[in-house]
Amino acid sequence: MPSNYTIAKELKRVADYREICGEDPADYLNAAWMIQSFSRGRLDELYPVEGRELLENTNEFSDEVIDTIVEVIEGKEVRALQERQGVPLTVLELVEIRGIGGKMVRRLFGDLGVVDLQGLRAVVKDGQISQVKGFRTKTIEKITTFLDEKGV
């Protein structure tokens, strides 16, 4: 069963993907923070007893977020992470890099068509990455170090 941290991490992935797709990630980001600091205990232990009402009674989560939390708890495919707007889910590899968030990945995808770590390596190698807003020398060095460590 997933811990609150694991549930929050999955909600953060959904928020990142929504941001990359140009959608508002706020509901998922807020939910991730709330789940991490959920004071009543582990959701995966409380949910089988209290059901969906556990999440509905907080009055903090939208139905879509509740559905996502339930899917994570039950080990189902997260529907909020189905590809949309032509943005492949592989773009989520890019937010694993410290200092690279959804907005920056959205620029990489939109401006250069980068969809994964291999594509990122290519635009770093040929220097195209420096044409994208927010990608200065220090950031590019961080990316290069990350890619080298991953063996990409």
C-alpha atoms as a PDB file:
ATOM      1  CA  MET A   1       0.000   0.000   0.000  1.00  0.00           C
ATOM      2  CA  PRO A   2       1.312   3.462  -0.845  1.00  0.00           C
ATOM      3  CA  SER A   3       2.430   5.807   1.903  1.00  0.00           C
ATOM      4  CA  ASN A   4       1.183   9.375   2.102  1.00  0.00           C
ATOM      5  CA  TYR A   5       4.536  10.437   0.650  1.00  0.00           C
ATOM      6  CA  THR A   6       4.056   8.135  -2.347  1.00  0.00           C
ATOM      7  CA  ILE A   7       0.522   9.426  -2.910  1.00  0.00           C
ATOM      8  CA  ALA A   8       1.755  13.022  -2.686  1.00  0.00           C
ATOM      9  CA  LYS A   9       4.581  12.272  -5.110  1.00  0.00           C
ATOM     10  CA  GLU A  10       2.109  10.922  -7.662  1.00  0.00           C
ATOM     11  CA  LEU A  11      -0.086  14.007  -7.234  1.00  0.00           C
ATOM     12  CA  LYS A  12       3.013  16.139  -7.871  1.00  0.00           C
ATOM     13  CA  ARG A  13       3.667  14.201 -11.095  1.00  0.00           C
ATOM     14  CA  VAL A  14       0.120  14.971 -12.218  1.00  0.00           C
ATOM     15  CA  ALA A  15       0.640  18.649 -11.333  1.00  0.00           C
ATOM     16  CA  ASP A  16       3.886  18.722 -13.319  1.00  0.00           C
ATOM     17  CA  TYR A  17       2.228  17.081 -16.321  1.00  0.00           C
ATOM     18  CA  ARG A  18      -0.695  19.503 -16.197  1.00  0.00           C
ATOM     19  CA  GLU A  19       1.714  22.436 -16.085  1.00  0.00           C
ATOM     20  CA  ILE A  20       3.706  21.065 -19.027  1.00  0.00           C
ATOM     21  CA  CYS A  21       0.430  20.746 -20.951  1.00  0.00           C
ATOM     22  CA  GLY A  22      -0.396  24.384 -20.167  1.00  0.00           C
ATOM     23  CA  GLU A  23      -3.085  23.549 -17.613  1.00  0.00           C
ATOM     24  CA  ASP A  24      -3.484  24.791 -14.055  1.00  0.00           C
ATOM     25  CA  PRO A  25      -1.699  22.425 -11.647  1.00  0.00           C
ATOM     26  CA  ALA A  26      -2.903  24.124  -8.454  1.00  0.00           C
ATOM     27  CA  ASP A  27      -5.463  21.551  -7.246  1.00  0.00           C
ATOM     28  CA  TYR A  28      -2.907  18.747  -7.481  1.00  0.00           C
ATOM     29  CA  LEU A  29      -0.078  20.754  -5.910  1.00  0.00           C
ATOM     30  CA  ASN A  30      -2.271  21.780  -2.985  1.00  0.00           C
ATOM     31  CA  ALA A  31      -3.453  18.217  -2.532  1.00  0.00           C
ATOM     32  CA  ALA A  32       0.129  16.919  -2.558  1.00  0.00           C
ATOM     33  CA  TRP A  33       1.083  19.288   0.253  1.00  0.00           C
ATOM     34  CA  MET A  34      -2.011  18.375   2.250  1.00  0.00           C
ATOM     35  CA  ILE A  35      -1.443  14.636   1.852  1.00  0.00           C
ATOM     36  CA  GLN A  36       2.170  14.908   3.023  1.00  0.00           C
ATOM     37  CA  SER A  37       1.036  16.633   6.211  1.00  0.00           C
ATOM     38  CA  PHE A  38      -2.162  14.635   6.713  1.00  0.00           C
ATOM     39  CA  SER A  39      -2.432  14.476  10.500  1.00  0.00           C
ATOM     40  CA  ARG A  40      -4.906  11.618  10.869  1.00  0.00           C
ATOM     41  CA  GLY A  41      -2.458   8.969   9.686  1.00  0.00           C
ATOM     42  CA  ARG A  42      -1.789   6.959   6.563  1.00  0.00           C
ATOM     43  CA  LEU A  43      -4.443   7.293   3.897  1.00  0.00           C
ATOM     44  CA  ASP A  44      -3.856   3.757   2.653  1.00  0.00           C
ATOM     45  CA  GLU A  45      -4.861   2.463   6.109  1.00  0.00           C
ATOM     46  CA  LEU A  46      -7.756   4.872   6.694  1.00  0.00           C
ATOM     47  CA  TYR A  47      -9.303   4.641   3.225  1.00  0.00           C
ATOM     48  CA  PRO A  48     -10.376   0.946   3.424  1.00  0.00           C
ATOM     49  CA  VAL A  49     -12.278   1.747   6.638  1.00  0.00           C
ATOM     50  CA  GLU A  50     -13.700   5.201   5.875  1.00  0.00           C
ATOM     51  CA  GLY A  51     -13.878   5.071   2.084  1.00  0.00           C
ATOM     52  CA  ARG A  52     -14.188   8.051  -0.194  1.00  0.00           C
ATOM     53  CA  GLU A  53     -15.840  10.073   2.605  1.00  0.00           C
ATOM     54  CA  LEU A  54     -12.423  10.341   4.253  1.00  0.00           C
ATOM     55  CA  LEU A  55     -11.301  12.530   1.364  1.00  0.00           C
ATOM     56  CA  GLU A  56     -14.625  14.257   0.686  1.00  0.00           C
ATOM     57  CA  ASN A  57     -14.983  15.401   4.302  1.00  0.00           C
ATOM     58  CA  THR A  58     -11.855  17.505   4.087  1.00  0.00           C
ATOM     59  CA  ASN A  59     -13.705  19.877   1.724  1.00  0.00           C
ATOM     60  CA  GLU A  60     -10.299  20.568   0.215  1.00  0.00           C
ATOM     61  CA  PHE A  61     -10.104  18.159  -2.713  1.00  0.00           C
ATOM     62  CA  SER A  62     -11.918  18.361  -6.033  1.00  0.00           C
ATOM     63  CA  ASP A  63     -13.628  15.223  -7.327  1.00  0.00           C
ATOM     64  CA  GLU A  64     -10.865  14.825  -9.915  1.00  0.00           C
ATOM     65  CA  VAL A  65      -8.161  14.923  -7.233  1.00  0.00           C
ATOM     66  CA  ILE A  66     -10.110  12.489  -5.041  1.00  0.00           C
ATOM     67  CA  ASP A  67     -10.430  10.106  -7.993  1.00  0.00           C
ATOM     68  CA  THR A  68      -6.668  10.298  -8.505  1.00  0.00           C
ATOM     69  CA  ILE A  69      -5.902   9.657  -4.836  1.00  0.00           C
ATOM     70  CA  VAL A  70      -8.230   6.640  -4.830  1.00  0.00           C
ATOM     71  CA  GLU A  71      -6.588   5.291  -7.998  1.00  0.00           C
ATOM     72  CA  VAL A  72      -3.153   5.553  -6.357  1.00  0.00           C
ATOM     73  CA  ILE A  73      -4.331   3.924  -3.119  1.00  0.00           C
ATOM     74  CA  GLU A  74      -6.015   1.096  -5.034  1.00  0.00           C
ATOM     75  CA  GLY A  75      -2.997   0.606  -7.309  1.00  0.00           C
ATOM     76  CA  LYS A  76      -4.925   1.470 -10.450  1.00  0.00           C
ATOM     77  CA  GLU A  77      -3.724   3.380 -13.495  1.00  0.00           C
ATOM     78  CA  VAL A  78      -3.861   7.113 -12.808  1.00  0.00           C
ATOM     79  CA  ARG A  79      -6.236   8.487 -15.428  1.00  0.00           C
ATOM     80  CA  ALA A  80      -4.946  12.034 -14.889  1.00  0.00           C
ATOM     81  CA  LEU A  81      -1.633  10.795 -16.279  1.00  0.00           C
ATOM     82  CA  GLN A  82      -2.989   9.703 -19.634  1.00  0.00           C
ATOM     83  CA  GLU A  83      -1.342  11.462 -22.553  1.00  0.00           C
ATOM     84  CA  ARG A  84      -3.128  14.551 -23.748  1.00  0.00           C
ATOM     85  CA  GLN A  85      -2.605  17.513 -26.032  1.00  0.00           C
ATOM     86  CA  GLY A  86       0.076  15.567 -27.870  1.00  0.00           C
ATOM     87  CA  VAL A  87       2.432  15.799 -24.889  1.00  0.00           C
ATOM     88  CA  PRO A  88       4.021  12.388 -24.231  1.00  0.00           C
ATOM     89  CA  LEU A  89       4.365  11.265 -20.632  1.00  0.00           C
ATOM     90  CA  THR A  90       8.102  10.843 -21.185  1.00  0.00           C
ATOM     91  CA  VAL A  91       8.445  14.601 -20.592  1.00  0.00           C
ATOM     92  CA  LEU A  92       8.085  13.798 -16.893  1.00  0.00           C
ATOM     93  CA  GLU A  93      11.650  12.418 -17.019  1.00  0.00           C
ATOM     94  CA  LEU A  94      12.812  16.002 -17.352  1.00  0.00           C
ATOM     95  CA  VAL A  95      11.303  17.252 -14.084  1.00  0.00           C
ATOM     96  CA  GLU A  96      13.501  14.749 -12.230  1.00  0.00           C
ATOM     97  CA  ILE A  97      16.372  17.193 -12.765  1.00  0.00           C
ATOM     98  CA  ARG A  98      16.807  19.443  -9.753  1.00  0.00           C
ATOM     99  CA  GLY A  99      15.906  23.004 -10.696  1.00  0.00           C
ATOM    100  CA  ILE A 100      13.855  22.045 -13.753  1.00  0.00           C
ATOM    101  CA  GLY A 101      10.133  22.417 -13.216  1.00  0.00           C
ATOM    102  CA  GLY A 102       7.033  22.116 -15.307  1.00  0.00           C
ATOM    103  CA  LYS A 103       7.336  25.590 -16.832  1.00  0.00           C
ATOM    104  CA  MET A 104      10.875  24.958 -18.039  1.00  0.00           C
ATOM    105  CA  VAL A 105       9.946  21.548 -19.427  1.00  0.00           C
ATOM    106  CA  ARG A 106       7.006  23.162 -21.204  1.00  0.00           C
ATOM    107  CA  ARG A 107       9.451  25.564 -22.878  1.00  0.00           C
ATOM    108  CA  LEU A 108      11.788  22.717 -23.852  1.00  0.00           C
ATOM    109  CA  PHE A 109       8.913  20.769 -25.346  1.00  0.00           C
ATOM    110  CA  GLY A 110       7.270  23.746 -27.021  1.00  0.00           C
ATOM    111  CA  ASP A 111      10.400  25.444 -28.361  1.00  0.00           C
ATOM    112  CA  LEU A 112      12.634  22.472 -29.180  1.00  0.00           C
ATOM    113  CA  GLY A 113      10.360  19.415 -29.147  1.00  0.00           C
ATOM    114  CA  VAL A 114      12.283  17.754 -26.296  1.00  0.00           C
ATOM    115  CA  VAL A 115      10.276  14.787 -24.986  1.00  0.00           C
ATOM    116  CA  ASP A 116      12.819  12.783 -22.977  1.00  0.00           C
ATOM    117  CA  LEU A 117      16.341  12.707 -21.544  1.00  0.00           C
ATOM    118  CA  GLN A 118      17.888  11.608 -24.853  1.00  0.00           C
ATOM    119  CA  GLY A 119      16.314  14.568 -26.608  1.00  0.00           C
ATOM    120  CA  LEU A 120      17.547  16.833 -23.861  1.00  0.00           C
ATOM    121  CA  ARG A 121      21.081  15.507 -24.304  1.00  0.00           C
ATOM    122  CA  ALA A 122      20.865  16.265 -28.034  1.00  0.00           C
ATOM    123  CA  VAL A 123      19.821  19.919 -27.557  1.00  0.00           C
ATOM    124  CA  VAL A 124      22.495  20.398 -24.898  1.00  0.00           C
ATOM    125  CA  LYS A 125      25.141  18.903 -27.158  1.00  0.00           C
ATOM    126  CA  ASP A 126      24.256  21.045 -30.179  1.00  0.00           C
ATOM    127  CA  GLY A 127      23.768  24.211 -28.099  1.00  0.00           C
ATOM    128  CA  GLN A 128      20.109  24.766 -28.997  1.00  0.00           C
ATOM    129  CA  ILE A 129      19.141  24.707 -25.342  1.00  0.00           C
ATOM    130  CA  SER A 130      20.705  28.125 -24.771  1.00  0.00           C
ATOM    131  CA  GLN A 131      18.034  29.592 -27.065  1.00  0.00           C
ATOM    132  CA  VAL A 132      15.280  28.660 -24.599  1.00  0.00           C
ATOM    133  CA  LYS A 133      14.310  31.222 -21.960  1.00  0.00           C
ATOM    134  CA  GLY A 134      15.659  30.321 -18.517  1.00  0.00           C
ATOM    135  CA  PHE A 135      18.470  28.055 -19.684  1.00  0.00           C
ATOM    136  CA  ARG A 136      21.686  29.806 -18.785  1.00  0.00           C
ATOM    137  CA  THR A 137      25.174  28.394 -18.290  1.00  0.00           C
ATOM    138  CA  LYS A 138      24.648  27.281 -14.672  1.00  0.00           C
ATOM    139  CA  THR A 139      21.399  25.472 -15.479  1.00  0.00           C
ATOM    140  CA  ILE A 140      22.926  23.805 -18.522  1.00  0.00           C
ATOM    141  CA  GLU A 141      25.861  22.623 -16.370  1.00  0.00           C
ATOM    142  CA  LYS A 142      23.410  21.084 -13.858  1.00  0.00           C
ATOM    143  CA  ILE A 143      21.596  19.341 -16.688  1.00  0.00           C
ATOM    144  CA  THR A 144      24.844  18.032 -18.176  1.00  0.00           C
ATOM    145  CA  THR A 145      25.951  16.673 -14.794  1.00  0.00           C
ATOM    146  CA  PHE A 146      22.568  14.982 -14.305  1.00  0.00           C
ATOM    147  CA  LEU A 147      22.652  13.414 -17.763  1.00  0.00           C
ATOM    148  CA  ASP A 148      26.246  12.230 -17.254  1.00  0.00           C
ATOM    149  CA  GLU A 149      25.296  10.633 -13.914  1.00  0.00           C
ATOM    150  CA  LYS A 150      22.330   8.889 -15.562  1.00  0.00           C
ATOM    151  CA  GLY A 151      24.493   7.690 -18.423  1.00  0.00           C
ATOM    152  CA  VAL A 152      22.435   9.455 -21.062  1.00  0.00           C
END
